[in-house]
Amino acid sequence: MIRALAALALVTLAACLPTAQTPVPDPQTYGPTSAPVPFAVSRLLPRGVTAQDVRVADNCYGYAYQGLIYPVLIPRGTQYCL
């Protein structure tokens, strides 16, 4: 019973973390933006990632998480760019 509860707790916590992806290849080019984050980008962010974590490089969006920059991905798996 205790193991089942522990497993359920781990699955629940894992659902709150951003999905595992590959960080962007050149994170130094990404920086914070003073412009409002597009609604579509905010809807694509993983749980727990806020608009303050969003970074932009060459009109492509990423987000900072645990010291790395990850791309904001659209459903087909490519990076969200304008």
N, C-alpha and C. Protein backbone atom coordinates (compact mmCIF):
# COMPACT_ATOMS: atom_id res chain seq x y z
N MET A 1 0.81 -1.19 0.00
CA MET A 1 0.00 0.00 0.00
C MET A 1 0.86 1.26 0.00
N ILE A 2 1.90 1.26 0.83
CA ILE A 2 2.77 2.42 0.91
C ILE A 2 3.53 2.60 -0.40
N ARG A 3 3.97 1.50 -1.01
CA ARG A 3 4.68 1.60 -2.28
C ARG A 3 3.77 2.16 -3.37
N ALA A 4 2.52 1.75 -3.36
CA ALA A 4 1.57 2.25 -4.36
C ALA A 4 1.36 3.75 -4.19
N LEU A 5 1.25 4.21 -2.96
CA LEU A 5 1.09 5.64 -2.70
C LEU A 5 2.34 6.42 -3.10
N ALA A 6 3.51 5.84 -2.83
CA ALA A 6 4.75 6.50 -3.21
C ALA A 6 4.86 6.60 -4.73
N ALA A 7 4.50 5.54 -5.43
CA ALA A 7 4.53 5.56 -6.90
C ALA A 7 3.55 6.58 -7.45
N LEU A 8 2.38 6.66 -6.87
CA LEU A 8 1.39 7.64 -7.30
C LEU A 8 1.89 9.07 -7.06
N ALA A 9 2.55 9.30 -5.95
CA ALA A 9 3.09 10.62 -5.64
C ALA A 9 4.16 11.01 -6.66
N LEU A 10 5.02 10.06 -7.04
CA LEU A 10 6.06 10.36 -8.03
C LEU A 10 5.47 10.67 -9.39
N VAL A 11 4.46 9.94 -9.79
CA VAL A 11 3.81 10.20 -11.08
C VAL A 11 3.15 11.57 -11.06
N THR A 12 2.52 11.91 -9.96
CA THR A 12 1.86 13.21 -9.84
C THR A 12 2.88 14.34 -9.90
N LEU A 13 3.99 14.20 -9.22
CA LEU A 13 5.04 15.23 -9.26
C LEU A 13 5.65 15.33 -10.65
N ALA A 14 5.85 14.23 -11.31
CA ALA A 14 6.43 14.24 -12.65
C ALA A 14 5.53 14.98 -13.63
N ALA A 15 4.23 14.93 -13.44
CA ALA A 15 3.31 15.62 -14.33
C ALA A 15 3.42 17.13 -14.22
N CYS A 16 3.98 17.62 -13.13
CA CYS A 16 4.10 19.06 -12.92
C CYS A 16 5.40 19.63 -13.48
N LEU A 17 6.34 18.78 -13.85
CA LEU A 17 7.61 19.25 -14.36
C LEU A 17 7.57 19.40 -15.87
N PRO A 18 8.38 20.30 -16.42
CA PRO A 18 8.46 20.39 -17.88
C PRO A 18 8.89 19.06 -18.48
N THR A 19 8.45 18.83 -19.70
CA THR A 19 8.80 17.57 -20.34
C THR A 19 10.28 17.56 -20.68
N ALA A 20 10.85 16.38 -20.73
CA ALA A 20 12.27 16.24 -21.07
C ALA A 20 12.44 16.50 -22.56
N GLN A 21 13.27 17.46 -22.88
CA GLN A 21 13.59 17.81 -24.25
C GLN A 21 15.08 18.08 -24.31
N THR A 22 15.53 18.35 -25.49
CA THR A 22 16.92 18.73 -25.67
C THR A 22 17.03 20.25 -25.56
N PRO A 23 17.98 20.75 -24.76
CA PRO A 23 18.17 22.20 -24.68
C PRO A 23 18.55 22.77 -26.05
N VAL A 24 18.36 24.06 -26.22
CA VAL A 24 18.73 24.71 -27.48
C VAL A 24 20.25 24.64 -27.64
N PRO A 25 20.74 24.58 -28.89
CA PRO A 25 22.17 24.42 -29.10
C PRO A 25 23.01 25.66 -28.74
N ASP A 26 22.45 26.86 -28.82
CA ASP A 26 23.22 28.07 -28.53
C ASP A 26 22.44 28.96 -27.56
N PRO A 27 22.45 28.62 -26.27
CA PRO A 27 21.64 29.36 -25.30
C PRO A 27 22.05 30.81 -25.09
N GLN A 28 23.30 31.18 -25.44
CA GLN A 28 23.75 32.56 -25.24
C GLN A 28 23.00 33.55 -26.12
N THR A 29 22.41 33.08 -27.22
CA THR A 29 21.67 33.99 -28.11
C THR A 29 20.29 34.31 -27.57
N TYR A 30 19.79 33.54 -26.60
CA TYR A 30 18.45 33.76 -26.05
C TYR A 30 18.52 34.76 -24.90
N GLY A 31 17.57 35.68 -24.91
CA GLY A 31 17.51 36.67 -23.84
C GLY A 31 16.07 36.96 -23.48
N PRO A 32 15.86 37.59 -22.32
CA PRO A 32 14.50 37.97 -21.92
C PRO A 32 13.92 38.98 -22.90
N THR A 33 12.62 39.04 -22.97
CA THR A 33 11.96 39.99 -23.86
C THR A 33 11.16 41.00 -23.04
N SER A 34 11.15 42.22 -23.54
CA SER A 34 10.33 43.25 -22.88
C SER A 34 8.93 43.29 -23.48
N ALA A 35 8.76 42.65 -24.63
CA ALA A 35 7.45 42.59 -25.28
C ALA A 35 6.57 41.56 -24.58
N PRO A 36 5.26 41.72 -24.66
CA PRO A 36 4.38 40.71 -24.07
C PRO A 36 4.58 39.35 -24.75
N VAL A 37 4.49 38.30 -23.96
CA VAL A 37 4.62 36.94 -24.50
C VAL A 37 3.33 36.61 -25.25
N PRO A 38 3.43 36.16 -26.51
CA PRO A 38 2.22 35.81 -27.25
C PRO A 38 1.39 34.76 -26.50
N PHE A 39 0.08 34.87 -26.63
CA PHE A 39 -0.82 33.94 -25.96
C PHE A 39 -0.51 32.49 -26.35
N ALA A 40 -0.23 32.26 -27.63
CA ALA A 40 0.07 30.89 -28.09
C ALA A 40 1.30 30.34 -27.38
N VAL A 41 2.31 31.18 -27.16
CA VAL A 41 3.51 30.72 -26.46
C VAL A 41 3.18 30.38 -25.02
N SER A 42 2.42 31.23 -24.35
CA SER A 42 2.08 30.95 -22.95
C SER A 42 1.28 29.66 -22.82
N ARG A 43 0.47 29.34 -23.82
CA ARG A 43 -0.31 28.08 -23.78
C ARG A 43 0.57 26.85 -24.02
N LEU A 44 1.71 27.04 -24.67
CA LEU A 44 2.60 25.92 -24.99
C LEU A 44 3.65 25.65 -23.91
N LEU A 45 3.75 26.54 -22.92
CA LEU A 45 4.74 26.36 -21.86
C LEU A 45 4.36 25.19 -20.96
N PRO A 46 5.35 24.42 -20.52
CA PRO A 46 5.07 23.34 -19.56
C PRO A 46 4.56 23.92 -18.24
N ARG A 47 3.87 23.10 -17.48
CA ARG A 47 3.41 23.52 -16.16
C ARG A 47 4.58 23.94 -15.31
N GLY A 48 4.39 25.01 -14.57
CA GLY A 48 5.44 25.49 -13.68
C GLY A 48 6.37 26.50 -14.33
N VAL A 49 6.29 26.67 -15.64
CA VAL A 49 7.10 27.66 -16.35
C VAL A 49 6.23 28.88 -16.58
N THR A 50 6.73 30.06 -16.22
CA THR A 50 5.94 31.28 -16.33
C THR A 50 6.47 32.17 -17.45
N ALA A 51 5.75 33.24 -17.72
CA ALA A 51 6.15 34.19 -18.76
C ALA A 51 7.51 34.81 -18.44
N GLN A 52 7.87 34.92 -17.18
CA GLN A 52 9.18 35.47 -16.81
C GLN A 52 10.32 34.56 -17.24
N ASP A 53 10.03 33.29 -17.48
CA ASP A 53 11.04 32.32 -17.90
C ASP A 53 11.24 32.29 -19.41
N VAL A 54 10.39 32.98 -20.17
CA VAL A 54 10.44 32.94 -21.63
C VAL A 54 11.65 33.74 -22.12
N ARG A 55 12.33 33.17 -23.11
CA ARG A 55 13.48 33.81 -23.75
C ARG A 55 13.25 33.81 -25.26
N VAL A 56 13.88 34.77 -25.96
CA VAL A 56 13.68 34.91 -27.40
C VAL A 56 15.04 35.06 -28.09
N ALA A 57 15.16 34.43 -29.26
CA ALA A 57 16.34 34.59 -30.12
C ALA A 57 15.86 34.48 -31.56
N ASP A 58 16.11 35.50 -32.36
CA ASP A 58 15.72 35.51 -33.78
C ASP A 58 14.25 35.16 -33.96
N ASN A 59 13.39 35.74 -33.12
CA ASN A 59 11.94 35.52 -33.16
C ASN A 59 11.52 34.08 -32.88
N CYS A 60 12.39 33.31 -32.25
CA CYS A 60 12.05 31.95 -31.81
C CYS A 60 12.03 31.94 -30.29
N TYR A 61 11.07 31.22 -29.73
CA TYR A 61 10.85 31.25 -28.30
C TYR A 61 11.42 30.02 -27.61
N GLY A 62 11.96 30.27 -26.43
CA GLY A 62 12.45 29.22 -25.55
C GLY A 62 12.08 29.60 -24.13
N TYR A 63 12.44 28.76 -23.18
CA TYR A 63 12.20 29.07 -21.77
C TYR A 63 13.35 28.55 -20.93
N ALA A 64 13.63 29.28 -19.86
CA ALA A 64 14.69 28.90 -18.94
C ALA A 64 14.14 27.94 -17.92
N TYR A 65 14.88 26.86 -17.69
CA TYR A 65 14.49 25.88 -16.68
C TYR A 65 15.75 25.22 -16.16
N GLN A 66 15.99 25.33 -14.87
CA GLN A 66 17.14 24.75 -14.19
C GLN A 66 18.46 25.11 -14.87
N GLY A 67 18.60 26.37 -15.24
CA GLY A 67 19.86 26.85 -15.79
C GLY A 67 20.07 26.58 -17.28
N LEU A 68 19.12 25.93 -17.93
CA LEU A 68 19.22 25.65 -19.36
C LEU A 68 18.08 26.33 -20.10
N ILE A 69 18.23 26.49 -21.40
CA ILE A 69 17.18 27.06 -22.24
C ILE A 69 16.64 25.94 -23.13
N TYR A 70 15.32 25.75 -23.07
CA TYR A 70 14.65 24.74 -23.88
C TYR A 70 13.75 25.44 -24.89
N PRO A 71 13.57 24.86 -26.07
CA PRO A 71 12.69 25.47 -27.06
C PRO A 71 11.23 25.31 -26.67
N VAL A 72 10.41 26.31 -26.98
CA VAL A 72 8.96 26.17 -26.85
C VAL A 72 8.52 25.41 -28.10
N LEU A 73 7.93 24.25 -27.90
CA LEU A 73 7.58 23.39 -29.03
C LEU A 73 6.09 23.46 -29.35
N ILE A 74 5.78 23.47 -30.64
CA ILE A 74 4.39 23.38 -31.07
C ILE A 74 4.04 21.89 -31.14
N PRO A 75 2.75 21.54 -31.23
CA PRO A 75 2.36 20.13 -31.17
C PRO A 75 3.08 19.20 -32.15
N ARG A 76 3.47 19.68 -33.32
CA ARG A 76 4.15 18.77 -34.26
C ARG A 76 5.63 18.59 -33.93
N GLY A 77 6.10 19.27 -32.87
CA GLY A 77 7.45 19.03 -32.38
C GLY A 77 8.52 20.01 -32.85
N THR A 78 8.15 21.06 -33.58
CA THR A 78 9.13 22.06 -33.98
C THR A 78 9.02 23.28 -33.07
N GLN A 79 10.07 24.09 -33.08
CA GLN A 79 10.11 25.26 -32.21
C GLN A 79 9.15 26.34 -32.69
N TYR A 80 8.53 27.03 -31.73
CA TYR A 80 7.61 28.12 -32.03
C TYR A 80 8.44 29.34 -32.42
N CYS A 81 8.31 29.76 -33.67
CA CYS A 81 8.99 30.95 -34.19
C CYS A 81 7.98 31.80 -34.95
N LEU A 82 8.20 33.11 -34.92
CA LEU A 82 7.36 34.02 -35.69
C LEU A 82 7.98 34.30 -37.03
